[in-house]
C-alpha atoms as a PDB file:
ATOM      1  CA  MET A   1      40.459  55.871  15.190  1.00  0.00           C
ATOM      2  CA  ALA A   2      40.678  55.939  11.523  1.00  0.00           C
ATOM      3  CA  THR A   3      40.836  52.801   9.489  1.00  0.00           C
ATOM      4  CA  GLY A   4      41.860  52.305   5.929  1.00  0.00           C
ATOM      5  CA  ASN A   5      38.263  51.504   4.853  1.00  0.00           C
ATOM      6  CA  GLN A   6      36.790  54.846   5.841  1.00  0.00           C
ATOM      7  CA  GLY A   7      35.540  55.870   2.436  1.00  0.00           C
ATOM      8  CA  GLN A   8      33.866  52.527   1.744  1.00  0.00           C
ATOM      9  CA  GLY A   9      30.274  51.822   2.607  1.00  0.00           C
ATOM     10  CA  PRO A  10      29.070  48.558   4.122  1.00  0.00           C
ATOM     11  CA  ASN A  11      28.476  46.954   0.707  1.00  0.00           C
ATOM     12  CA  GLN A  12      31.667  48.200  -0.926  1.00  0.00           C
ATOM     13  CA  GLY A  13      33.651  45.068  -0.091  1.00  0.00           C
ATOM     14  CA  ARG A  14      30.893  42.870  -1.477  1.00  0.00           C
ATOM     15  CA  ARG A  15      30.767  44.785  -4.710  1.00  0.00           C
ATOM     16  CA  ASN A  16      34.481  44.526  -5.259  1.00  0.00           C
ATOM     17  CA  GLY A  17      34.594  40.740  -4.749  1.00  0.00           C
ATOM     18  CA  GLY A  18      31.009  40.130  -5.861  1.00  0.00           C
ATOM     19  CA  GLY A  19      31.776  38.966  -9.372  1.00  0.00           C
ATOM     20  CA  GLY A  20      32.194  35.366  -8.192  1.00  0.00           C
ATOM     21  CA  THR A  21      29.107  35.293  -6.023  1.00  0.00           C
ATOM     22  CA  GLN A  22      26.934  36.815  -8.723  1.00  0.00           C
ATOM     23  CA  GLY A  23      28.065  34.091 -11.132  1.00  0.00           C
ATOM     24  CA  ALA A  24      27.249  31.467  -8.523  1.00  0.00           C
ATOM     25  CA  ARG A  25      23.818  32.986  -8.024  1.00  0.00           C
ATOM     26  CA  GLU A  26      23.158  32.914 -11.752  1.00  0.00           C
ATOM     27  CA  GLY A  27      24.304  29.291 -11.863  1.00  0.00           C
ATOM     28  CA  GLN A  28      21.950  28.410  -9.012  1.00  0.00           C
ATOM     29  CA  HIS A  29      19.160  30.245 -10.780  1.00  0.00           C
ATOM     30  CA  ASP A  30      19.828  28.250 -13.977  1.00  0.00           C
ATOM     31  CA  VAL A  31      19.856  24.981 -12.036  1.00  0.00           C
ATOM     32  CA  GLY A  32      16.593  25.958 -10.357  1.00  0.00           C
ATOM     33  CA  GLN A  33      14.979  26.750 -13.706  1.00  0.00           C
ATOM     34  CA  ARG A  34      16.119  23.445 -15.223  1.00  0.00           C
ATOM     35  CA  LEU A  35      14.846  21.555 -12.198  1.00  0.00           C
ATOM     36  CA  GLN A  36      11.505  23.334 -12.403  1.00  0.00           C
ATOM     37  CA  GLU A  37      11.218  22.539 -16.123  1.00  0.00           C
ATOM     38  CA  GLY A  38      12.067  18.882 -15.459  1.00  0.00           C
ATOM     39  CA  VAL A  39       9.434  18.635 -12.738  1.00  0.00           C
ATOM     40  CA  GLY A  40       6.911  20.260 -15.076  1.00  0.00           C
ATOM     41  CA  GLN A  41       7.706  17.704 -17.798  1.00  0.00           C
ATOM     42  CA  VAL A  42       7.312  14.813 -15.352  1.00  0.00           C
ATOM     43  CA  GLY A  43       3.975  16.263 -14.220  1.00  0.00           C
ATOM     44  CA  ASP A  44       2.810  16.505 -17.842  1.00  0.00           C
ATOM     45  CA  ARG A  45       3.776  12.868 -18.494  1.00  0.00           C
ATOM     46  CA  VAL A  46       1.976  11.671 -15.370  1.00  0.00           C
ATOM     47  CA  ARG A  47      -1.125  13.646 -16.348  1.00  0.00           C
ATOM     48  CA  GLU A  48      -1.045  12.165 -19.873  1.00  0.00           C
ATOM     49  CA  GLY A  49      -0.685   8.631 -18.473  1.00  0.00           C
ATOM     50  CA  TYR A  50      -3.562   9.193 -16.081  1.00  0.00           C
ATOM     51  CA  ASP A  51      -5.764  10.506 -18.882  1.00  0.00           C
ATOM     52  CA  GLN A  52      -4.916   7.511 -21.103  1.00  0.00           C
ATOM     53  CA  ALA A  53      -5.653   5.054 -18.285  1.00  0.00           C
ATOM     54  CA  ARG A  54      -8.949   6.780 -17.501  1.00  0.00           C
ATOM     55  CA  GLU A  55     -10.000   6.679 -21.159  1.00  0.00           C
ATOM     56  CA  GLY A  56      -9.025   3.008 -21.444  1.00  0.00           C
ATOM     57  CA  LEU A  57     -11.026   2.067 -18.362  1.00  0.00           C
ATOM     58  CA  ALA A  58     -14.030   4.052 -19.560  1.00  0.00           C
ATOM     59  CA  HIS A  59     -13.855   2.275 -22.932  1.00  0.00           C
ATOM     60  CA  GLY A  60     -13.674  -1.137 -21.232  1.00  0.00           C
ATOM     61  CA  TYR A  61     -16.609  -0.253 -18.989  1.00  0.00           C
ATOM     62  CA  ARG A  62     -18.713   0.768 -21.991  1.00  0.00           C
ATOM     63  CA  GLN A  63     -17.842  -2.509 -23.739  1.00  0.00           C
ATOM     64  CA  ALA A  64     -18.854  -4.502 -20.661  1.00  0.00           C
ATOM     65  CA  GLU A  65     -22.138  -2.604 -20.418  1.00  0.00           C
ATOM     66  CA  GLY A  66     -22.869  -3.364 -24.070  1.00  0.00           C
ATOM     67  CA  MET A  67     -22.100  -7.043 -23.646  1.00  0.00           C
ATOM     68  CA  ILE A  68     -24.328  -7.272 -20.572  1.00  0.00           C
ATOM     69  CA  ALA A  69     -27.133  -5.493 -22.440  1.00  0.00           C
ATOM     70  CA  ARG A  70     -26.847  -7.969 -25.337  1.00  0.00           C
ATOM     71  CA  ASN A  71     -26.640 -11.086 -23.112  1.00  0.00           C
ATOM     72  CA  PRO A  72     -28.556 -10.417 -19.868  1.00  0.00           C
ATOM     73  CA  SER A  73     -29.302 -14.010 -18.834  1.00  0.00           C
ATOM     74  CA  GLN A  74     -25.746 -15.194 -19.400  1.00  0.00           C
ATOM     75  CA  SER A  75     -24.452 -12.169 -17.469  1.00  0.00           C
ATOM     76  CA  VAL A  76     -26.673 -12.971 -14.494  1.00  0.00           C
ATOM     77  CA  LEU A  77     -25.566 -16.612 -14.507  1.00  0.00           C
ATOM     78  CA  LEU A  78     -21.920 -15.606 -14.783  1.00  0.00           C
ATOM     79  CA  GLY A  79     -22.304 -13.160 -11.883  1.00  0.00           C
ATOM     80  CA  PHE A  80     -24.014 -15.831  -9.796  1.00  0.00           C
ATOM     81  CA  GLY A  81     -21.253 -18.338 -10.569  1.00  0.00           C
ATOM     82  CA  VAL A  82     -18.458 -15.935  -9.709  1.00  0.00           C
ATOM     83  CA  GLY A  83     -20.186 -14.897  -6.474  1.00  0.00           C
ATOM     84  CA  PHE A  84     -20.866 -18.508  -5.498  1.00  0.00           C
ATOM     85  CA  GLY A  85     -17.261 -19.504  -6.196  1.00  0.00           C
ATOM     86  CA  LEU A  86     -15.874 -16.628  -4.156  1.00  0.00           C
ATOM     87  CA  GLY A  87     -18.268 -17.463  -1.337  1.00  0.00           C
ATOM     88  CA  VAL A  88     -17.116 -21.097  -1.275  1.00  0.00           C
ATOM     89  CA  LEU A  89     -13.459 -20.054  -1.257  1.00  0.00           C
ATOM     90  CA  LEU A  90     -14.080 -17.588   1.538  1.00  0.00           C
ATOM     91  CA  ALA A  91     -16.025 -20.138   3.600  1.00  0.00           C
ATOM     92  CA  VAL A  92     -13.262 -22.726   3.222  1.00  0.00           C
ATOM     93  CA  ALA A  93     -10.601 -20.198   4.160  1.00  0.00           C
ATOM     94  CA  LEU A  94     -12.489 -19.056   7.268  1.00  0.00           C
ATOM     95  CA  SER A  95     -13.549 -22.501   8.457  1.00  0.00           C
ATOM     96  CA  GLN A  96     -10.099 -24.067   8.623  1.00  0.00           C
ATOM     97  CA  ARG A  97      -9.357 -24.979  12.200  1.00  0.00           C
ATOM     98  CA  GLU A  98      -6.199 -23.475  13.588  1.00  0.00           C
ATOM     99  CA  GLU A  99      -3.803 -25.684  15.440  1.00  0.00           C
ATOM    100  CA  SER A 100      -4.186 -25.077  19.160  1.00  0.00           C
ATOM    101  CA  TRP A 101      -1.405 -24.585  21.641  1.00  0.00           C
ATOM    102  CA  TYR A 102      -2.166 -28.018  23.058  1.00  0.00           C
ATOM    103  CA  ASP A 103      -1.855 -29.712  19.665  1.00  0.00           C
ATOM    104  CA  ARG A 104       1.347 -27.886  18.869  1.00  0.00           C
ATOM    105  CA  TYR A 105       3.360 -28.272  22.094  1.00  0.00           C
ATOM    106  CA  ILE A 106       2.102 -31.269  24.086  1.00  0.00           C
ATOM    107  CA  PRO A 107       4.027 -34.461  23.244  1.00  0.00           C
ATOM    108  CA  ASP A 108       2.054 -37.398  21.849  1.00  0.00           C
ATOM    109  CA  ARG A 109       2.671 -39.574  24.914  1.00  0.00           C
ATOM    110  CA  LEU A 110       0.937 -36.995  27.125  1.00  0.00           C
ATOM    111  CA  ARG A 111      -2.054 -36.428  24.883  1.00  0.00           C
ATOM    112  CA  ASP A 112      -3.892 -39.558  25.993  1.00  0.00           C
ATOM    113  CA  ILE A 113      -3.805 -38.556  29.673  1.00  0.00           C
ATOM    114  CA  PRO A 114      -7.357 -37.064  29.592  1.00  0.00           C
ATOM    115  CA  ASP A 115      -8.626 -40.456  28.352  1.00  0.00           C
ATOM    116  CA  ARG A 116      -7.118 -42.089  31.432  1.00  0.00           C
ATOM    117  CA  PHE A 117      -9.185 -39.839  33.668  1.00  0.00           C
ATOM    118  CA  ARG A 118     -12.542 -40.393  31.950  1.00  0.00           C
ATOM    119  CA  HIS A 119     -13.448 -43.269  34.261  1.00  0.00           C
ATOM    120  CA  LEU A 120     -13.182 -40.906  37.251  1.00  0.00           C
ATOM    121  CA  HIS A 121     -16.432 -39.153  36.249  1.00  0.00           C
ATOM    122  CA  LEU A 122     -15.056 -35.665  36.741  1.00  0.00           C
ATOM    123  CA  PRO A 123     -17.518 -32.815  37.167  1.00  0.00           C
ATOM    124  CA  GLU A 124     -18.644 -31.127  33.957  1.00  0.00           C
ATOM    125  CA  SER A 125     -16.826 -27.910  34.873  1.00  0.00           C
ATOM    126  CA  ILE A 126     -13.486 -29.736  34.868  1.00  0.00           C
ATOM    127  CA  SER A 127     -14.055 -32.198  32.049  1.00  0.00           C
ATOM    128  CA  ARG A 128     -15.024 -29.531  29.507  1.00  0.00           C
ATOM    129  CA  HIS A 129     -11.510 -28.026  29.880  1.00  0.00           C
ATOM    130  CA  LEU A 130      -9.897 -31.329  28.946  1.00  0.00           C
ATOM    131  CA  PRO A 131      -9.382 -31.936  25.239  1.00  0.00           C
ATOM    132  CA  SER A 132     -11.528 -34.647  23.779  1.00  0.00           C
END
């Protein structure tokens, strides 16, 4: 069985029509290079920003150290005041009583029911479960 493509190798058809695919490959290669260059530029900008931020923070830290060295007593008092203030705020925030389920959902007319039962002298194990 002879076919008309006998003299052509397996890649012959690709070579004949390959002009379009080679151009597409070159276009993809160019797009890949541009993308890589863009990513490299973004990386450089991020690195520069990080370096600037690090230098700025280091400069501020050195200034703070110098100010503390020049004014030690005022620095200690300021640190004590800030710590005390934060401690008070934290204590107030943690000590606020949350509204209980009973307070939230029991109607006002039913809330005085435990007071009605006080004269019964209930055992301690029961009365401690009643709201006061």
